[in-house]
Amino acid sequence: MNRMNILKIIALFFLFFTFQWSAQYGAARMAGSGHFIWLILMYGGFFLRAFVWVEILRDLKLISAYSLSSLSYLIIPFFSRIFMGEEYKSSYLTGGLLILAGITVFSVGEQKQEQIQMQESL
């Protein structure tokens, strides 16, 4: 994977997490007030996130994309902390580190499997 593809994937995941956060924020606000603008934000966020997801799947394998999308459990609370001043609990960081460790183990295993397949095909 070249450098431009990596930058594109990072940008797409940033958009994915941003739209996910905006949709969840709209849903939470709508539950409190029920105002129409929050409904638009919620559905708009989920709608745009779906388009970004399709773009992500064009560049990554499904299993890799799903493992990276699990970072939303770390990033969404971080966005909420920055933009809304919500509390960022240490359990979010602990969970995020466990997710990153899982992604790392998965990536190493996937690379080894690809190496084995390449050796077998020779």
PDB file of N, CA and C in Angstrom:
ATOM      1  N   MET A   1       0.856  -1.170   0.000  1.00  0.00           N
ATOM      2  CA  MET A   1       0.000   0.000   0.000  1.00  0.00           C
ATOM      3  C   MET A   1       0.903   1.233   0.000  1.00  0.00           C
ATOM      4  N   ASN A   2       0.677   2.150  -0.934  1.00  0.00           N
ATOM      5  CA  ASN A   2       1.539   3.318  -1.020  1.00  0.00           C
ATOM      6  C   ASN A   2       1.082   4.417  -0.061  1.00  0.00           C
ATOM      7  N   ARG A   3       1.889   5.451   0.002  1.00  0.00           N
ATOM      8  CA  ARG A   3       1.663   6.530   0.970  1.00  0.00           C
ATOM      9  C   ARG A   3       0.344   7.261   0.724  1.00  0.00           C
ATOM     10  N   MET A   4      -0.010   7.487  -0.523  1.00  0.00           N
ATOM     11  CA  MET A   4      -1.257   8.200  -0.832  1.00  0.00           C
ATOM     12  C   MET A   4      -2.475   7.397  -0.389  1.00  0.00           C
ATOM     13  N   ASN A   5      -2.441   6.084  -0.561  1.00  0.00           N
ATOM     14  CA  ASN A   5      -3.554   5.250  -0.100  1.00  0.00           C
ATOM     15  C   ASN A   5      -3.691   5.298   1.407  1.00  0.00           C
ATOM     16  N   ILE A   6      -2.576   5.303   2.115  1.00  0.00           N
ATOM     17  CA  ILE A   6      -2.626   5.378   3.573  1.00  0.00           C
ATOM     18  C   ILE A   6      -3.220   6.705   4.021  1.00  0.00           C
ATOM     19  N   LEU A   7      -2.802   7.797   3.393  1.00  0.00           N
ATOM     20  CA  LEU A   7      -3.357   9.115   3.732  1.00  0.00           C
ATOM     21  C   LEU A   7      -4.846   9.185   3.411  1.00  0.00           C
ATOM     22  N   LYS A   8      -5.234   8.583   2.308  1.00  0.00           N
ATOM     23  CA  LYS A   8      -6.651   8.563   1.935  1.00  0.00           C
ATOM     24  C   LYS A   8      -7.468   7.783   2.967  1.00  0.00           C
ATOM     25  N   ILE A   9      -6.952   6.644   3.397  1.00  0.00           N
ATOM     26  CA  ILE A   9      -7.664   5.829   4.389  1.00  0.00           C
ATOM     27  C   ILE A   9      -7.765   6.567   5.713  1.00  0.00           C
ATOM     28  N   ILE A  10      -6.702   7.244   6.116  1.00  0.00           N
ATOM     29  CA  ILE A  10      -6.748   8.022   7.360  1.00  0.00           C
ATOM     30  C   ILE A  10      -7.802   9.114   7.261  1.00  0.00           C
ATOM     31  N   ALA A  11      -7.827   9.815   6.134  1.00  0.00           N
ATOM     32  CA  ALA A  11      -8.825  10.876   5.945  1.00  0.00           C
ATOM     33  C   ALA A  11     -10.246  10.301   5.940  1.00  0.00           C
ATOM     34  N   LEU A  12     -10.437   9.164   5.279  1.00  0.00           N
ATOM     35  CA  LEU A  12     -11.760   8.551   5.250  1.00  0.00           C
ATOM     36  C   LEU A  12     -12.205   8.105   6.635  1.00  0.00           C
ATOM     37  N   PHE A  13     -11.292   7.533   7.423  1.00  0.00           N
ATOM     38  CA  PHE A  13     -11.662   7.131   8.777  1.00  0.00           C
ATOM     39  C   PHE A  13     -11.934   8.344   9.656  1.00  0.00           C
ATOM     40  N   PHE A  14     -11.224   9.447   9.433  1.00  0.00           N
ATOM     41  CA  PHE A  14     -11.529  10.669  10.175  1.00  0.00           C
ATOM     42  C   PHE A  14     -12.956  11.124   9.870  1.00  0.00           C
ATOM     43  N   LEU A  15     -13.325  11.117   8.598  1.00  0.00           N
ATOM     44  CA  LEU A  15     -14.699  11.463   8.223  1.00  0.00           C
ATOM     45  C   LEU A  15     -15.699  10.468   8.806  1.00  0.00           C
ATOM     46  N   PHE A  16     -15.366   9.191   8.756  1.00  0.00           N
ATOM     47  CA  PHE A  16     -16.236   8.148   9.304  1.00  0.00           C
ATOM     48  C   PHE A  16     -16.525   8.410  10.774  1.00  0.00           C
ATOM     49  N   PHE A  17     -15.475   8.662  11.554  1.00  0.00           N
ATOM     50  CA  PHE A  17     -15.651   8.900  12.989  1.00  0.00           C
ATOM     51  C   PHE A  17     -16.376  10.220  13.248  1.00  0.00           C
ATOM     52  N   THR A  18     -16.112  11.232  12.431  1.00  0.00           N
ATOM     53  CA  THR A  18     -16.796  12.518  12.595  1.00  0.00           C
ATOM     54  C   THR A  18     -18.283  12.374  12.338  1.00  0.00           C
ATOM     55  N   PHE A  19     -18.653  11.699  11.267  1.00  0.00           N
ATOM     56  CA  PHE A  19     -20.074  11.501  10.978  1.00  0.00           C
ATOM     57  C   PHE A  19     -20.738  10.608  12.027  1.00  0.00           C
ATOM     58  N   GLN A  20     -20.012   9.609  12.513  1.00  0.00           N
ATOM     59  CA  GLN A  20     -20.538   8.757  13.579  1.00  0.00           C
ATOM     60  C   GLN A  20     -20.815   9.590  14.828  1.00  0.00           C
ATOM     61  N   TRP A  21     -19.863  10.435  15.186  1.00  0.00           N
ATOM     62  CA  TRP A  21     -20.036  11.285  16.372  1.00  0.00           C
ATOM     63  C   TRP A  21     -21.211  12.243  16.200  1.00  0.00           C
ATOM     64  N   SER A  22     -21.309  12.875  15.033  1.00  0.00           N
ATOM     65  CA  SER A  22     -22.396  13.831  14.827  1.00  0.00           C
ATOM     66  C   SER A  22     -23.762  13.139  14.874  1.00  0.00           C
ATOM     67  N   ALA A  23     -23.829  11.926  14.351  1.00  0.00           N
ATOM     68  CA  ALA A  23     -25.091  11.184  14.392  1.00  0.00           C
ATOM     69  C   ALA A  23     -25.450  10.810  15.827  1.00  0.00           C
ATOM     70  N   GLN A  24     -24.477  10.363  16.593  1.00  0.00           N
ATOM     71  CA  GLN A  24     -24.756  10.005  17.979  1.00  0.00           C
ATOM     72  C   GLN A  24     -25.088  11.242  18.808  1.00  0.00           C
ATOM     73  N   TYR A  25     -24.427  12.347  18.530  1.00  0.00           N
ATOM     74  CA  TYR A  25     -24.727  13.599  19.228  1.00  0.00           C
ATOM     75  C   TYR A  25     -26.151  14.054  18.905  1.00  0.00           C
ATOM     76  N   GLY A  26     -26.510  13.995  17.618  1.00  0.00           N
ATOM     77  CA  GLY A  26     -27.867  14.372  17.218  1.00  0.00           C
ATOM     78  C   GLY A  26     -28.920  13.494  17.868  1.00  0.00           C
ATOM     79  N   ALA A  27     -28.638  12.208  17.976  1.00  0.00           N
ATOM     80  CA  ALA A  27     -29.576  11.282  18.614  1.00  0.00           C
ATOM     81  C   ALA A  27     -29.737  11.606  20.094  1.00  0.00           C
ATOM     82  N   ALA A  28     -28.627  11.916  20.759  1.00  0.00           N
ATOM     83  CA  ALA A  28     -28.705  12.246  22.186  1.00  0.00           C
ATOM     84  C   ALA A  28     -29.456  13.550  22.409  1.00  0.00           C
ATOM     85  N   ARG A  29     -29.216  14.528  21.577  1.00  0.00           N
ATOM     86  CA  ARG A  29     -29.913  15.818  21.719  1.00  0.00           C
ATOM     87  C   ARG A  29     -31.391  15.681  21.373  1.00  0.00           C
ATOM     88  N   MET A  30     -31.686  14.861  20.376  1.00  0.00           N
ATOM     89  CA  MET A  30     -33.076  14.667  19.990  1.00  0.00           C
ATOM     90  C   MET A  30     -33.865  13.982  21.097  1.00  0.00           C
ATOM     91  N   ALA A  31     -33.219  13.066  21.812  1.00  0.00           N
ATOM     92  CA  ALA A  31     -33.896  12.387  22.911  1.00  0.00           C
ATOM     93  C   ALA A  31     -34.269  13.369  24.009  1.00  0.00           C
ATOM     94  N   GLY A  32     -33.471  14.435  24.152  1.00  0.00           N
ATOM     95  CA  GLY A  32     -33.753  15.428  25.179  1.00  0.00           C
ATOM     96  C   GLY A  32     -34.772  16.465  24.753  1.00  0.00           C
ATOM     97  N   SER A  33     -34.678  16.930  23.503  1.00  0.00           N
ATOM     98  CA  SER A  33     -35.552  18.027  23.094  1.00  0.00           C
ATOM     99  C   SER A  33     -36.522  17.655  21.980  1.00  0.00           C
ATOM    100  N   GLY A  34     -36.151  16.698  21.139  1.00  0.00           N
ATOM    101  CA  GLY A  34     -37.021  16.287  20.045  1.00  0.00           C
ATOM    102  C   GLY A  34     -37.110  17.295  18.919  1.00  0.00           C
ATOM    103  N   HIS A  35     -36.201  18.261  18.884  1.00  0.00           N
ATOM    104  CA  HIS A  35     -36.233  19.283  17.840  1.00  0.00           C
ATOM    105  C   HIS A  35     -35.825  18.691  16.499  1.00  0.00           C
ATOM    106  N   PHE A  36     -36.423  19.200  15.430  1.00  0.00           N
ATOM    107  CA  PHE A  36     -36.242  18.669  14.082  1.00  0.00           C
ATOM    108  C   PHE A  36     -34.790  18.731  13.618  1.00  0.00           C
ATOM    109  N   ILE A  37     -34.041  19.752  14.014  1.00  0.00           N
ATOM    110  CA  ILE A  37     -32.655  19.901  13.551  1.00  0.00           C
ATOM    111  C   ILE A  37     -31.786  18.741  14.027  1.00  0.00           C
ATOM    112  N   TRP A  38     -32.087  18.207  15.215  1.00  0.00           N
ATOM    113  CA  TRP A  38     -31.304  17.080  15.738  1.00  0.00           C
ATOM    114  C   TRP A  38     -31.612  15.806  14.959  1.00  0.00           C
ATOM    115  N   LEU A  39     -32.846  15.684  14.496  1.00  0.00           N
ATOM    116  CA  LEU A  39     -33.223  14.552  13.658  1.00  0.00           C
ATOM    117  C   LEU A  39     -32.446  14.583  12.344  1.00  0.00           C
ATOM    118  N   ILE A  40     -32.333  15.761  11.763  1.00  0.00           N
ATOM    119  CA  ILE A  40     -31.585  15.920  10.513  1.00  0.00           C
ATOM    120  C   ILE A  40     -30.108  15.604  10.739  1.00  0.00           C
ATOM    121  N   LEU A  41     -29.556  16.096  11.856  1.00  0.00           N
ATOM    122  CA  LEU A  41     -28.155  15.819  12.162  1.00  0.00           C
ATOM    123  C   LEU A  41     -27.918  14.320  12.350  1.00  0.00           C
ATOM    124  N   MET A  42     -28.825  13.673  13.051  1.00  0.00           N
ATOM    125  CA  MET A  42     -28.677  12.243  13.307  1.00  0.00           C
ATOM    126  C   MET A  42     -28.715  11.443  12.003  1.00  0.00           C
ATOM    127  N   TYR A  43     -29.783  11.618  11.233  1.00  0.00           N
ATOM    128  CA  TYR A  43     -29.898  10.852   9.995  1.00  0.00           C
ATOM    129  C   TYR A  43     -28.835  11.257   8.974  1.00  0.00           C
ATOM    130  N   GLY A  44     -28.512  12.540   8.918  1.00  0.00           N
ATOM    131  CA  GLY A  44     -27.470  12.995   8.001  1.00  0.00           C
ATOM    132  C   GLY A  44     -26.124  12.385   8.328  1.00  0.00           C
ATOM    133  N   GLY A  45     -25.804  12.323   9.614  1.00  0.00           N
ATOM    134  CA  GLY A  45     -24.535  11.723  10.034  1.00  0.00           C
ATOM    135  C   GLY A  45     -24.449  10.258   9.669  1.00  0.00           C
ATOM    136  N   PHE A  46     -25.517   9.516   9.940  1.00  0.00           N
ATOM    137  CA  PHE A  46     -25.505   8.088   9.604  1.00  0.00           C
ATOM    138  C   PHE A  46     -25.487   7.870   8.089  1.00  0.00           C
ATOM    139  N   PHE A  47     -26.192   8.715   7.356  1.00  0.00           N
ATOM    140  CA  PHE A  47     -26.239   8.614   5.902  1.00  0.00           C
ATOM    141  C   PHE A  47     -24.860   8.868   5.297  1.00  0.00           C
ATOM    142  N   LEU A  48     -24.204   9.944   5.721  1.00  0.00           N
ATOM    143  CA  LEU A  48     -22.882  10.270   5.192  1.00  0.00           C
ATOM    144  C   LEU A  48     -21.840   9.243   5.620  1.00  0.00           C
ATOM    145  N   ARG A  49     -21.985   8.728   6.838  1.00  0.00           N
ATOM    146  CA  ARG A  49     -21.071   7.697   7.315  1.00  0.00           C
ATOM    147  C   ARG A  49     -21.151   6.454   6.427  1.00  0.00           C
ATOM    148  N   ALA A  50     -22.343   6.117   5.947  1.00  0.00           N
ATOM    149  CA  ALA A  50     -22.510   4.948   5.079  1.00  0.00           C
ATOM    150  C   ALA A  50     -21.751   5.139   3.768  1.00  0.00           C
ATOM    151  N   PHE A  51     -21.784   6.341   3.213  1.00  0.00           N
ATOM    152  CA  PHE A  51     -21.041   6.588   1.972  1.00  0.00           C
ATOM    153  C   PHE A  51     -19.533   6.513   2.198  1.00  0.00           C
ATOM    154  N   VAL A  52     -19.082   7.035   3.313  1.00  0.00           N
ATOM    155  CA  VAL A  52     -17.655   6.958   3.622  1.00  0.00           C
ATOM    156  C   VAL A  52     -17.241   5.504   3.829  1.00  0.00           C
ATOM    157  N   TRP A  53     -18.110   4.707   4.454  1.00  0.00           N
ATOM    158  CA  TRP A  53     -17.812   3.290   4.683  1.00  0.00           C
ATOM    159  C   TRP A  53     -17.610   2.554   3.359  1.00  0.00           C
ATOM    160  N   VAL A  54     -18.428   2.852   2.380  1.00  0.00           N
ATOM    161  CA  VAL A  54     -18.286   2.223   1.058  1.00  0.00           C
ATOM    162  C   VAL A  54     -16.936   2.604   0.447  1.00  0.00           C
ATOM    163  N   GLU A  55     -16.533   3.855   0.603  1.00  0.00           N
ATOM    164  CA  GLU A  55     -15.229   4.283   0.087  1.00  0.00           C
ATOM    165  C   GLU A  55     -14.093   3.571   0.812  1.00  0.00           C
ATOM    166  N   ILE A  56     -14.239   3.386   2.114  1.00  0.00           N
ATOM    167  CA  ILE A  56     -13.214   2.674   2.886  1.00  0.00           C
ATOM    168  C   ILE A  56     -13.081   1.242   2.378  1.00  0.00           C
ATOM    169  N   LEU A  57     -14.218   0.607   2.118  1.00  0.00           N
ATOM    170  CA  LEU A  57     -14.195  -0.788   1.671  1.00  0.00           C
ATOM    171  C   LEU A  57     -13.601  -0.958   0.273  1.00  0.00           C
ATOM    172  N   ARG A  58     -13.527   0.109  -0.491  1.00  0.00           N
ATOM    173  CA  ARG A  58     -12.880   0.026  -1.800  1.00  0.00           C
ATOM    174  C   ARG A  58     -11.369  -0.120  -1.665  1.00  0.00           C
ATOM    175  N   ASP A  59     -10.818   0.379  -0.551  1.00  0.00           N
ATOM    176  CA  ASP A  59      -9.366   0.364  -0.375  1.00  0.00           C
ATOM    177  C   ASP A  59      -8.868  -0.680   0.619  1.00  0.00           C
ATOM    178  N   LEU A  60      -9.735  -1.167   1.492  1.00  0.00           N
ATOM    179  CA  LEU A  60      -9.314  -2.112   2.528  1.00  0.00           C
ATOM    180  C   LEU A  60     -10.141  -3.380   2.469  1.00  0.00           C
ATOM    181  N   LYS A  61      -9.560  -4.448   2.973  1.00  0.00           N
ATOM    182  CA  LYS A  61     -10.335  -5.674   3.147  1.00  0.00           C
ATOM    183  C   LYS A  61     -11.358  -5.430   4.248  1.00  0.00           C
ATOM    184  N   LEU A  62     -12.468  -6.134   4.170  1.00  0.00           N
ATOM    185  CA  LEU A  62     -13.543  -5.954   5.139  1.00  0.00           C
ATOM    186  C   LEU A  62     -13.068  -6.214   6.560  1.00  0.00           C
ATOM    187  N   ILE A  63     -12.293  -7.253   6.757  1.00  0.00           N
ATOM    188  CA  ILE A  63     -11.850  -7.592   8.106  1.00  0.00           C
ATOM    189  C   ILE A  63     -10.929  -6.513   8.675  1.00  0.00           C
ATOM    190  N   SER A  64     -10.100  -5.911   7.841  1.00  0.00           N
ATOM    191  CA  SER A  64      -9.234  -4.821   8.301  1.00  0.00           C
ATOM    192  C   SER A  64     -10.046  -3.566   8.600  1.00  0.00           C
ATOM    193  N   ALA A  65     -11.017  -3.279   7.754  1.00  0.00           N
ATOM    194  CA  ALA A  65     -11.841  -2.095   7.964  1.00  0.00           C
ATOM    195  C   ALA A  65     -12.642  -2.203   9.257  1.00  0.00           C
ATOM    196  N   TYR A  66     -13.194  -3.384   9.524  1.00  0.00           N
ATOM    197  CA  TYR A  66     -13.949  -3.565  10.769  1.00  0.00           C
ATOM    198  C   TYR A  66     -13.062  -3.420  11.994  1.00  0.00           C
ATOM    199  N   SER A  67     -11.856  -3.954  11.926  1.00  0.00           N
ATOM    200  CA  SER A  67     -10.984  -3.832  13.093  1.00  0.00           C
ATOM    201  C   SER A  67     -10.603  -2.374  13.339  1.00  0.00           C
ATOM    202  N   LEU A  68     -10.369  -1.605  12.287  1.00  0.00           N
ATOM    203  CA  LEU A  68     -10.058  -0.192  12.472  1.00  0.00           C
ATOM    204  C   LEU A  68     -11.275   0.620  12.897  1.00  0.00           C
ATOM    205  N   SER A  69     -12.455   0.211  12.455  1.00  0.00           N
ATOM    206  CA  SER A  69     -13.656   0.952  12.867  1.00  0.00           C
ATOM    207  C   SER A  69     -13.942   0.776  14.352  1.00  0.00           C
ATOM    208  N   SER A  70     -13.374  -0.266  14.965  1.00  0.00           N
ATOM    209  CA  SER A  70     -13.566  -0.448  16.403  1.00  0.00           C
ATOM    210  C   SER A  70     -12.883   0.648  17.208  1.00  0.00           C
ATOM    211  N   LEU A  71     -12.028   1.417  16.571  1.00  0.00           N
ATOM    212  CA  LEU A  71     -11.417   2.556  17.250  1.00  0.00           C
ATOM    213  C   LEU A  71     -12.439   3.633  17.606  1.00  0.00           C
ATOM    214  N   SER A  72     -13.639   3.514  17.088  1.00  0.00           N
ATOM    215  CA  SER A  72     -14.677   4.499  17.424  1.00  0.00           C
ATOM    216  C   SER A  72     -14.962   4.515  18.920  1.00  0.00           C
ATOM    217  N   TYR A  73     -14.732   3.395  19.602  1.00  0.00           N
ATOM    218  CA  TYR A  73     -14.941   3.355  21.047  1.00  0.00           C
ATOM    219  C   TYR A  73     -13.924   4.214  21.785  1.00  0.00           C
ATOM    220  N   LEU A  74     -12.832   4.554  21.128  1.00  0.00           N
ATOM    221  CA  LEU A  74     -11.828   5.435  21.699  1.00  0.00           C
ATOM    222  C   LEU A  74     -12.004   6.870  21.182  1.00  0.00           C
ATOM    223  N   ILE A  75     -12.325   7.008  19.913  1.00  0.00           N
ATOM    224  CA  ILE A  75     -12.338   8.316  19.269  1.00  0.00           C
ATOM    225  C   ILE A  75     -13.622   9.104  19.549  1.00  0.00           C
ATOM    226  N   ILE A  76     -14.770   8.451  19.551  1.00  0.00           N
ATOM    227  CA  ILE A  76     -16.035   9.163  19.776  1.00  0.00           C
ATOM    228  C   ILE A  76     -16.047   9.858  21.144  1.00  0.00           C
ATOM    229  N   PRO A  77     -15.665   9.184  22.242  1.00  0.00           N
ATOM    230  CA  PRO A  77     -15.602   9.908  23.517  1.00  0.00           C
ATOM    231  C   PRO A  77     -14.570  11.047  23.504  1.00  0.00           C
ATOM    232  N   PHE A  78     -13.483  10.870  22.732  1.00  0.00           N
ATOM    233  CA  PHE A  78     -12.485  11.931  22.611  1.00  0.00           C
ATOM    234  C   PHE A  78     -13.082  13.148  21.916  1.00  0.00           C
ATOM    235  N   PHE A  79     -13.828  12.945  20.814  1.00  0.00           N
ATOM    236  CA  PHE A  79     -14.515  14.050  20.134  1.00  0.00           C
ATOM    237  C   PHE A  79     -15.491  14.737  21.092  1.00  0.00           C
ATOM    238  N   SER A  80     -16.205  13.948  21.872  1.00  0.00           N
ATOM    239  CA  SER A  80     -17.168  14.513  22.809  1.00  0.00           C
ATOM    240  C   SER A  80     -16.464  15.343  23.876  1.00  0.00           C
ATOM    241  N   ARG A  81     -15.289  14.928  24.264  1.00  0.00           N
ATOM    242  CA  ARG A  81     -14.502  15.696  25.243  1.00  0.00           C
ATOM    243  C   ARG A  81     -14.074  17.024  24.652  1.00  0.00           C
ATOM    244  N   ILE A  82     -13.576  17.004  23.422  1.00  0.00           N
ATOM    245  CA  ILE A  82     -13.079  18.219  22.786  1.00  0.00           C
ATOM    246  C   ILE A  82     -14.213  19.204  22.492  1.00  0.00           C
ATOM    247  N   PHE A  83     -15.272  18.718  21.854  1.00  0.00           N
ATOM    248  CA  PHE A  83     -16.307  19.620  21.365  1.00  0.00           C
ATOM    249  C   PHE A  83     -17.412  19.913  22.374  1.00  0.00           C
ATOM    250  N   MET A  84     -17.652  18.999  23.298  1.00  0.00           N
ATOM    251  CA  MET A  84     -18.769  19.172  24.221  1.00  0.00           C
ATOM    252  C   MET A  84     -18.335  19.292  25.687  1.00  0.00           C
ATOM    253  N   GLY A  85     -17.055  19.090  25.952  1.00  0.00           N
ATOM    254  CA  GLY A  85     -16.554  19.189  27.311  1.00  0.00           C
ATOM    255  C   GLY A  85     -16.987  18.041  28.214  1.00  0.00           C
ATOM    256  N   GLU A  86     -17.374  16.917  27.613  1.00  0.00           N
ATOM    257  CA  GLU A  86     -17.789  15.770  28.411  1.00  0.00           C
ATOM    258  C   GLU A  86     -16.588  15.124  29.084  1.00  0.00           C
ATOM    259  N   GLU A  87     -16.868  14.394  30.151  1.00  0.00           N
ATOM    260  CA  GLU A  87     -15.813  13.720  30.895  1.00  0.00           C
ATOM    261  C   GLU A  87     -15.240  12.574  30.062  1.00  0.00           C
ATOM    262  N   TYR A  88     -13.921  12.477  30.067  1.00  0.00           N
ATOM    263  CA  TYR A  88     -13.228  11.384  29.380  1.00  0.00           C
ATOM    264  C   TYR A  88     -12.687  10.470  30.461  1.00  0.00           C
ATOM    265  N   LYS A  89     -13.328   9.350  30.649  1.00  0.00           N
ATOM    266  CA  LYS A  89     -12.979   8.438  31.730  1.00  0.00           C
ATOM    267  C   LYS A  89     -11.725   7.642  31.386  1.00  0.00           C
ATOM    268  N   SER A  90     -11.010   7.249  32.418  1.00  0.00           N
ATOM    269  CA  SER A  90      -9.798   6.460  32.193  1.00  0.00           C
ATOM    270  C   SER A  90     -10.126   5.092  31.595  1.00  0.00           C
ATOM    271  N   SER A  91     -11.347   4.622  31.823  1.00  0.00           N
ATOM    272  CA  SER A  91     -11.731   3.329  31.239  1.00  0.00           C
ATOM    273  C   SER A  91     -11.793   3.408  29.709  1.00  0.00           C
ATOM    274  N   TYR A  92     -12.085   4.596  29.160  1.00  0.00           N
ATOM    275  CA  TYR A  92     -12.059   4.757  27.708  1.00  0.00           C
ATOM    276  C   TYR A  92     -10.645   4.549  27.182  1.00  0.00           C
ATOM    277  N   LEU A  93      -9.676   5.135  27.887  1.00  0.00           N
ATOM    278  CA  LEU A  93      -8.290   4.996  27.471  1.00  0.00           C
ATOM    279  C   LEU A  93      -7.825   3.549  27.604  1.00  0.00           C
ATOM    280  N   THR A  94      -8.189   2.914  28.700  1.00  0.00           N
ATOM    281  CA  THR A  94      -7.823   1.506  28.894  1.00  0.00           C
ATOM    282  C   THR A  94      -8.429   0.636  27.806  1.00  0.00           C
ATOM    283  N   GLY A  95      -9.688   0.825  27.526  1.00  0.00           N
ATOM    284  CA  GLY A  95     -10.350   0.066  26.463  1.00  0.00           C
ATOM    285  C   GLY A  95      -9.733   0.349  25.108  1.00  0.00           C
ATOM    286  N   GLY A  96      -9.406   1.608  24.856  1.00  0.00           N
ATOM    287  CA  GLY A  96      -8.778   1.972  23.594  1.00  0.00           C
ATOM    288  C   GLY A  96      -7.425   1.331  23.409  1.00  0.00           C
ATOM    289  N   LEU A  97      -6.644   1.265  24.494  1.00  0.00           N
ATOM    290  CA  LEU A  97      -5.337   0.607  24.418  1.00  0.00           C
ATOM    291  C   LEU A  97      -5.488  -0.888  24.151  1.00  0.00           C
ATOM    292  N   LEU A  98      -6.500  -1.496  24.751  1.00  0.00           N
ATOM    293  CA  LEU A  98      -6.756  -2.916  24.475  1.00  0.00           C
ATOM    294  C   LEU A  98      -7.169  -3.122  23.019  1.00  0.00           C
ATOM    295  N   ILE A  99      -7.975  -2.216  22.493  1.00  0.00           N
ATOM    296  CA  ILE A  99      -8.376  -2.295  21.086  1.00  0.00           C
ATOM    297  C   ILE A  99      -7.157  -2.155  20.182  1.00  0.00           C
ATOM    298  N   LEU A 100      -6.291  -1.180  20.481  1.00  0.00           N
ATOM    299  CA  LEU A 100      -5.073  -1.001  19.680  1.00  0.00           C
ATOM    300  C   LEU A 100      -4.169  -2.225  19.755  1.00  0.00           C
ATOM    301  N   ALA A 101      -4.081  -2.825  20.925  1.00  0.00           N
ATOM    302  CA  ALA A 101      -3.283  -4.050  21.057  1.00  0.00           C
ATOM    303  C   ALA A 101      -3.880  -5.162  20.200  1.00  0.00           C
ATOM    304  N   GLY A 102      -5.196  -5.291  20.202  1.00  0.00           N
ATOM    305  CA  GLY A 102      -5.854  -6.304  19.375  1.00  0.00           C
ATOM    306  C   GLY A 102      -5.632  -6.066  17.893  1.00  0.00           C
ATOM    307  N   ILE A 103      -5.704  -4.802  17.479  1.00  0.00           N
ATOM    308  CA  ILE A 103      -5.467  -4.477  16.070  1.00  0.00           C
ATOM    309  C   ILE A 103      -4.022  -4.798  15.689  1.00  0.00           C
ATOM    310  N   THR A 104      -3.095  -4.516  16.594  1.00  0.00           N
ATOM    311  CA  THR A 104      -1.688  -4.813  16.327  1.00  0.00           C
ATOM    312  C   THR A 104      -1.462  -6.313  16.185  1.00  0.00           C
ATOM    313  N   VAL A 105      -2.015  -7.085  17.101  1.00  0.00           N
ATOM    314  CA  VAL A 105      -1.873  -8.547  17.034  1.00  0.00           C
ATOM    315  C   VAL A 105      -2.509  -9.071  15.748  1.00  0.00           C
ATOM    316  N   PHE A 106      -3.666  -8.553  15.407  1.00  0.00           N
ATOM    317  CA  PHE A 106      -4.351  -8.963  14.184  1.00  0.00           C
ATOM    318  C   PHE A 106      -3.497  -8.654  12.954  1.00  0.00           C
ATOM    319  N   SER A 107      -2.922  -7.452  12.910  1.00  0.00           N
ATOM    320  CA  SER A 107      -2.116  -7.048  11.757  1.00  0.00           C
ATOM    321  C   SER A 107      -0.885  -7.916  11.598  1.00  0.00           C
ATOM    322  N   VAL A 108      -0.217  -8.205  12.717  1.00  0.00           N
ATOM    323  CA  VAL A 108       0.969  -9.060  12.667  1.00  0.00           C
ATOM    324  C   VAL A 108       0.590 -10.451  12.162  1.00  0.00           C
ATOM    325  N   GLY A 109      -0.508 -10.996  12.664  1.00  0.00           N
ATOM    326  CA  GLY A 109      -0.959 -12.309  12.220  1.00  0.00           C
ATOM    327  C   GLY A 109      -1.331 -12.323  10.752  1.00  0.00           C
ATOM    328  N   GLU A 110      -1.962 -11.258  10.297  1.00  0.00           N
ATOM    329  CA  GLU A 110      -2.351 -11.181   8.889  1.00  0.00           C
ATOM    330  C   GLU A 110      -1.114 -11.106   7.991  1.00  0.00           C
ATOM    331  N   GLN A 111      -0.110 -10.333   8.406  1.00  0.00           N
ATOM    332  CA  GLN A 111       1.116 -10.245   7.617  1.00  0.00           C
ATOM    333  C   GLN A 111       1.842 -11.581   7.560  1.00  0.00           C
ATOM    334  N   LYS A 112       1.881 -12.293   8.659  1.00  0.00           N
ATOM    335  CA  LYS A 112       2.528 -13.606   8.664  1.00  0.00           C
ATOM    336  C   LYS A 112       1.783 -14.584   7.770  1.00  0.00           C
ATOM    337  N   GLN A 113       0.458 -14.509   7.801  1.00  0.00           N
ATOM    338  CA  GLN A 113      -0.335 -15.393   6.953  1.00  0.00           C
ATOM    339  C   GLN A 113      -0.079 -15.093   5.479  1.00  0.00           C
ATOM    340  N   GLU A 114       0.025 -13.829   5.124  1.00  0.00           N
ATOM    341  CA  GLU A 114       0.310 -13.464   3.743  1.00  0.00           C
ATOM    342  C   GLU A 114       1.698 -13.945   3.327  1.00  0.00           C
ATOM    343  N   GLN A 115       2.676 -13.860   4.237  1.00  0.00           N
ATOM    344  CA  GLN A 115       4.017 -14.352   3.932  1.00  0.00           C
ATOM    345  C   GLN A 115       4.011 -15.849   3.696  1.00  0.00           C
ATOM    346  N   ILE A 116       3.271 -16.591   4.516  1.00  0.00           N
ATOM    347  CA  ILE A 116       3.185 -18.037   4.360  1.00  0.00           C
ATOM    348  C   ILE A 116       2.537 -18.385   3.015  1.00  0.00           C
ATOM    349  N   GLN A 117       1.480 -17.657   2.658  1.00  0.00           N
ATOM    350  CA  GLN A 117       0.816 -17.914   1.384  1.00  0.00           C
ATOM    351  C   GLN A 117       1.727 -17.612   0.208  1.00  0.00           C
ATOM    352  N   MET A 118       2.537 -16.557   0.324  1.00  0.00           N
ATOM    353  CA  MET A 118       3.482 -16.226  -0.742  1.00  0.00           C
ATOM    354  C   MET A 118       4.561 -17.305  -0.886  1.00  0.00           C
ATOM    355  N   GLN A 119       5.035 -17.828   0.263  1.00  0.00           N
ATOM    356  CA  GLN A 119       6.046 -18.880   0.216  1.00  0.00           C
ATOM    357  C   GLN A 119       5.493 -20.162  -0.364  1.00  0.00           C
ATOM    358  N   GLU A 120       4.236 -20.472  -0.058  1.00  0.00           N
ATOM    359  CA  GLU A 120       3.621 -21.688  -0.588  1.00  0.00           C
ATOM    360  C   GLU A 120       3.375 -21.596  -2.082  1.00  0.00           C
ATOM    361  N   SER A 121       3.117 -20.379  -2.567  1.00  0.00           N
ATOM    362  CA  SER A 121       2.847 -20.226  -4.002  1.00  0.00           C
ATOM    363  C   SER A 121       4.124 -20.284  -4.830  1.00  0.00           C
ATOM    364  N   LEU A 122       5.288 -20.111  -4.184  1.00  0.00           N
ATOM    365  CA  LEU A 122       6.559 -20.182  -4.926  1.00  0.00           C
ATOM    366  C   LEU A 122       6.946 -21.581  -5.113  1.00  0.00           C
TER     367      LEU A 122
END
